């Protein structure tokens, strides 16, 4: 059983995966611990951590660099597993 509901969001109105099925990065939010989370056009989310040397995503820390990433294709591990987005209530 996959119990990762905290990483799932409701499908956005502008859901628009690419022709090959890969979603696009459409927005960001921060989780309760202040970590940045990518919101994807497929309705899933993905944590974006910059933790060198294993994850080098310095662009996550800069607002202008984050904004420059919007619209790019983004591999979704949830879609690769064939999991559909589920709705979660966020406050």
N, C-alpha and C. Protein backbone atom coordinates (compact mmCIF):
# COMPACT_ATOMS: atom_id res chain seq x y z
N UNK A 1 0.84 -1.18 0.00
CA UNK A 1 0.00 0.00 0.00
C UNK A 1 0.88 1.25 0.00
N UNK A 2 0.58 2.18 -0.84
CA UNK A 2 1.34 3.42 -0.96
C UNK A 2 0.62 4.51 -0.19
N UNK A 3 1.21 4.98 0.92
CA UNK A 3 0.56 5.96 1.78
C UNK A 3 1.30 7.29 1.73
N UNK A 4 1.36 7.88 0.56
CA UNK A 4 2.07 9.14 0.37
C UNK A 4 1.10 10.26 0.04
N UNK A 5 -0.09 10.27 0.63
CA UNK A 5 -1.11 11.25 0.30
C UNK A 5 -0.66 12.68 0.47
N UNK A 6 0.31 12.95 1.34
CA UNK A 6 0.77 14.32 1.53
C UNK A 6 1.42 14.87 0.26
N UNK A 7 1.83 14.01 -0.65
CA UNK A 7 2.46 14.46 -1.89
C UNK A 7 1.48 14.57 -3.04
N UNK A 8 0.21 14.40 -2.78
CA UNK A 8 -0.79 14.44 -3.84
C UNK A 8 -1.69 15.64 -3.65
N UNK A 9 -2.09 16.24 -4.76
CA UNK A 9 -3.01 17.37 -4.72
C UNK A 9 -4.13 17.11 -5.71
N UNK A 10 -5.15 17.93 -5.63
CA UNK A 10 -6.25 17.81 -6.60
C UNK A 10 -5.74 18.18 -7.98
N UNK A 11 -6.30 17.57 -9.01
CA UNK A 11 -5.92 17.86 -10.38
C UNK A 11 -6.26 19.31 -10.70
N UNK A 12 -5.27 20.10 -11.17
CA UNK A 12 -5.54 21.49 -11.48
C UNK A 12 -6.40 21.63 -12.73
N UNK A 13 -7.07 22.75 -12.84
CA UNK A 13 -7.92 22.99 -14.00
C UNK A 13 -7.11 23.00 -15.28
N UNK A 14 -5.86 23.51 -15.21
CA UNK A 14 -5.04 23.62 -16.42
C UNK A 14 -4.15 22.39 -16.64
N UNK A 15 -4.60 21.22 -16.20
CA UNK A 15 -3.82 20.00 -16.38
C UNK A 15 -3.50 19.82 -17.86
N UNK A 16 -2.22 19.78 -18.17
CA UNK A 16 -1.79 19.75 -19.56
C UNK A 16 -0.49 18.98 -19.71
N UNK A 17 -0.52 17.64 -19.57
CA UNK A 17 0.71 16.90 -19.80
C UNK A 17 1.14 17.03 -21.26
N UNK A 18 2.43 16.92 -21.47
CA UNK A 18 2.99 16.98 -22.82
C UNK A 18 2.47 15.80 -23.64
N UNK A 19 2.65 15.85 -24.94
CA UNK A 19 2.18 14.78 -25.82
C UNK A 19 2.75 13.42 -25.42
N UNK A 20 3.96 13.40 -24.86
CA UNK A 20 4.54 12.12 -24.45
C UNK A 20 4.14 11.75 -23.02
N UNK A 21 3.24 12.53 -22.42
CA UNK A 21 2.71 12.19 -21.10
C UNK A 21 3.44 12.83 -19.93
N UNK A 22 4.55 13.54 -20.21
CA UNK A 22 5.28 14.17 -19.11
C UNK A 22 4.61 15.48 -18.72
N UNK A 23 4.40 15.69 -17.44
CA UNK A 23 3.76 16.93 -17.00
C UNK A 23 4.73 18.10 -17.01
N UNK A 24 4.19 19.27 -16.79
CA UNK A 24 4.97 20.50 -16.69
C UNK A 24 4.93 21.02 -15.26
N UNK A 25 5.93 21.79 -14.90
CA UNK A 25 6.00 22.45 -13.60
C UNK A 25 5.12 23.69 -13.68
N UNK A 26 4.04 23.74 -12.89
CA UNK A 26 3.08 24.84 -13.00
C UNK A 26 3.05 25.76 -11.78
N UNK A 27 3.69 25.37 -10.69
CA UNK A 27 3.69 26.22 -9.51
C UNK A 27 4.49 25.63 -8.37
N UNK A 28 4.52 26.37 -7.27
CA UNK A 28 5.24 25.94 -6.07
C UNK A 28 4.40 26.22 -4.84
N UNK A 29 4.70 25.51 -3.79
CA UNK A 29 4.18 25.80 -2.46
C UNK A 29 5.23 25.34 -1.47
N UNK A 30 5.07 25.70 -0.22
CA UNK A 30 5.97 25.21 0.81
C UNK A 30 5.19 24.31 1.75
N UNK A 31 5.83 23.20 2.18
CA UNK A 31 5.18 22.30 3.12
C UNK A 31 5.28 22.88 4.53
N UNK A 32 4.76 22.15 5.49
CA UNK A 32 4.74 22.63 6.88
C UNK A 32 6.13 22.80 7.48
N UNK A 33 7.14 22.19 6.86
CA UNK A 33 8.52 22.34 7.34
C UNK A 33 9.30 23.40 6.56
N UNK A 34 8.63 24.08 5.62
CA UNK A 34 9.28 25.12 4.84
C UNK A 34 10.02 24.63 3.62
N UNK A 35 9.90 23.34 3.28
CA UNK A 35 10.54 22.80 2.09
C UNK A 35 9.70 23.14 0.87
N UNK A 36 10.37 23.47 -0.24
CA UNK A 36 9.66 23.79 -1.47
C UNK A 36 9.14 22.53 -2.14
N UNK A 37 7.92 22.63 -2.67
CA UNK A 37 7.24 21.53 -3.33
C UNK A 37 6.79 22.01 -4.71
N UNK A 38 7.13 21.26 -5.74
CA UNK A 38 6.69 21.59 -7.10
C UNK A 38 5.27 21.08 -7.30
N UNK A 39 4.44 21.90 -7.94
CA UNK A 39 3.09 21.51 -8.32
C UNK A 39 3.14 21.24 -9.82
N UNK A 40 2.73 20.04 -10.21
CA UNK A 40 2.84 19.60 -11.60
C UNK A 40 1.49 19.63 -12.30
N UNK A 41 1.51 19.77 -13.63
CA UNK A 41 0.27 19.85 -14.40
C UNK A 41 -0.54 18.56 -14.36
N UNK A 42 0.07 17.46 -13.96
CA UNK A 42 -0.65 16.20 -13.87
C UNK A 42 -1.48 16.12 -12.59
N UNK A 43 -1.25 17.06 -11.66
CA UNK A 43 -1.98 17.06 -10.39
C UNK A 43 -1.16 16.54 -9.23
N UNK A 44 0.00 15.96 -9.50
CA UNK A 44 0.88 15.48 -8.44
C UNK A 44 1.79 16.60 -7.97
N UNK A 45 2.49 16.35 -6.87
CA UNK A 45 3.49 17.28 -6.36
C UNK A 45 4.80 16.54 -6.13
N UNK A 46 5.88 17.30 -6.04
CA UNK A 46 7.21 16.70 -5.84
C UNK A 46 8.04 17.64 -4.98
N UNK A 47 8.62 17.12 -3.90
CA UNK A 47 9.52 17.94 -3.08
C UNK A 47 10.76 18.31 -3.89
N UNK A 48 11.22 19.54 -3.69
CA UNK A 48 12.42 20.05 -4.36
C UNK A 48 13.40 20.47 -3.28
N UNK A 49 14.34 19.61 -2.98
CA UNK A 49 15.31 19.92 -1.93
C UNK A 49 16.69 20.18 -2.51
N UNK A 50 17.38 21.14 -1.90
CA UNK A 50 18.78 21.41 -2.26
C UNK A 50 19.61 20.95 -1.07
N UNK A 51 20.18 19.75 -1.18
CA UNK A 51 20.96 19.16 -0.10
C UNK A 51 22.25 18.58 -0.67
N UNK A 52 23.21 19.44 -1.00
CA UNK A 52 24.48 18.94 -1.55
C UNK A 52 25.14 17.96 -0.58
N UNK A 53 25.87 16.97 -1.06
CA UNK A 53 26.25 16.76 -2.45
C UNK A 53 25.27 15.87 -3.22
N UNK A 54 24.22 15.39 -2.58
CA UNK A 54 23.34 14.41 -3.23
C UNK A 54 22.28 15.05 -4.12
N UNK A 55 21.77 16.19 -3.75
CA UNK A 55 20.77 16.88 -4.57
C UNK A 55 21.22 18.32 -4.77
N UNK A 56 21.62 18.65 -5.98
CA UNK A 56 22.07 20.00 -6.26
C UNK A 56 20.98 20.74 -7.02
N UNK A 57 20.17 21.44 -6.29
CA UNK A 57 19.08 22.24 -6.87
C UNK A 57 19.12 23.64 -6.27
N UNK A 58 20.22 24.32 -6.49
CA UNK A 58 20.38 25.67 -5.93
C UNK A 58 19.28 26.61 -6.42
N UNK A 59 18.74 26.38 -7.61
CA UNK A 59 17.68 27.23 -8.16
C UNK A 59 16.44 27.25 -7.28
N UNK A 60 16.26 26.22 -6.47
CA UNK A 60 15.08 26.14 -5.59
C UNK A 60 15.12 27.26 -4.54
N UNK A 61 16.30 27.70 -4.16
CA UNK A 61 16.44 28.68 -3.09
C UNK A 61 16.23 30.12 -3.55
N UNK A 62 16.27 30.38 -4.85
CA UNK A 62 16.17 31.73 -5.38
C UNK A 62 14.82 31.95 -6.07
N UNK A 63 14.03 32.95 -5.65
CA UNK A 63 12.71 33.16 -6.25
C UNK A 63 12.73 33.38 -7.76
N UNK A 64 13.72 34.14 -8.26
CA UNK A 64 13.79 34.38 -9.70
C UNK A 64 14.14 33.11 -10.47
N UNK A 65 15.04 32.30 -9.94
CA UNK A 65 15.41 31.05 -10.60
C UNK A 65 14.26 30.04 -10.56
N UNK A 66 13.50 30.03 -9.45
CA UNK A 66 12.31 29.16 -9.39
C UNK A 66 11.32 29.57 -10.47
N UNK A 67 11.07 30.86 -10.58
CA UNK A 67 10.11 31.36 -11.58
C UNK A 67 10.55 30.98 -13.00
N UNK A 68 11.84 30.99 -13.25
CA UNK A 68 12.35 30.65 -14.58
C UNK A 68 12.10 29.18 -14.94
N UNK A 69 11.88 28.33 -13.95
CA UNK A 69 11.65 26.91 -14.19
C UNK A 69 10.19 26.59 -14.53
N UNK A 70 9.28 27.53 -14.26
CA UNK A 70 7.85 27.28 -14.54
C UNK A 70 7.64 26.97 -16.01
N UNK A 71 6.84 25.96 -16.28
CA UNK A 71 6.53 25.55 -17.64
C UNK A 71 7.42 24.47 -18.20
N UNK A 72 8.53 24.17 -17.52
CA UNK A 72 9.43 23.15 -18.05
C UNK A 72 8.85 21.76 -17.81
N UNK A 73 9.25 20.82 -18.66
CA UNK A 73 8.84 19.43 -18.46
C UNK A 73 9.48 18.92 -17.19
N UNK A 74 8.73 18.11 -16.44
CA UNK A 74 9.22 17.64 -15.16
C UNK A 74 8.83 16.17 -15.00
N UNK A 75 9.79 15.27 -14.83
CA UNK A 75 9.46 13.84 -14.67
C UNK A 75 8.69 13.61 -13.38
N UNK A 76 7.60 12.91 -13.47
CA UNK A 76 6.75 12.64 -12.31
C UNK A 76 6.84 11.17 -11.92
N UNK A 77 7.41 10.91 -10.76
CA UNK A 77 7.53 9.54 -10.28
C UNK A 77 6.19 8.89 -10.01
N UNK A 78 5.21 9.71 -9.59
CA UNK A 78 3.87 9.15 -9.33
C UNK A 78 3.22 8.68 -10.63
N UNK A 79 3.31 9.48 -11.69
CA UNK A 79 2.75 9.08 -12.98
C UNK A 79 3.47 7.85 -13.52
N UNK A 80 4.79 7.79 -13.31
CA UNK A 80 5.57 6.64 -13.77
C UNK A 80 5.09 5.35 -13.10
N UNK A 81 4.55 5.47 -11.89
CA UNK A 81 4.01 4.31 -11.18
C UNK A 81 2.56 4.04 -11.56
N UNK A 82 1.99 4.91 -12.39
CA UNK A 82 0.60 4.74 -12.83
C UNK A 82 -0.41 5.19 -11.79
N UNK A 83 0.01 6.04 -10.85
CA UNK A 83 -0.90 6.50 -9.80
C UNK A 83 -1.58 7.79 -10.21
N UNK A 84 -2.90 7.81 -10.10
CA UNK A 84 -3.67 9.02 -10.43
C UNK A 84 -3.62 9.97 -9.24
N UNK A 85 -3.70 11.27 -9.53
CA UNK A 85 -3.76 12.24 -8.42
C UNK A 85 -5.00 12.02 -7.58
N UNK A 86 -4.86 12.25 -6.29
CA UNK A 86 -5.99 12.18 -5.38
C UNK A 86 -6.18 13.54 -4.77
N UNK A 87 -7.38 13.83 -4.38
CA UNK A 87 -7.67 15.11 -3.76
C UNK A 87 -7.33 15.06 -2.29
N UNK A 88 -6.67 16.10 -1.79
CA UNK A 88 -6.41 16.22 -0.36
C UNK A 88 -6.86 17.60 0.08
N UNK A 89 -7.29 17.71 1.30
CA UNK A 89 -7.69 18.98 1.86
C UNK A 89 -6.46 19.65 2.45
N UNK A 90 -6.17 20.88 2.04
CA UNK A 90 -5.05 21.62 2.60
C UNK A 90 -5.60 22.87 3.26
N UNK A 91 -5.03 23.21 4.42
CA UNK A 91 -5.47 24.41 5.12
C UNK A 91 -4.36 25.40 5.20
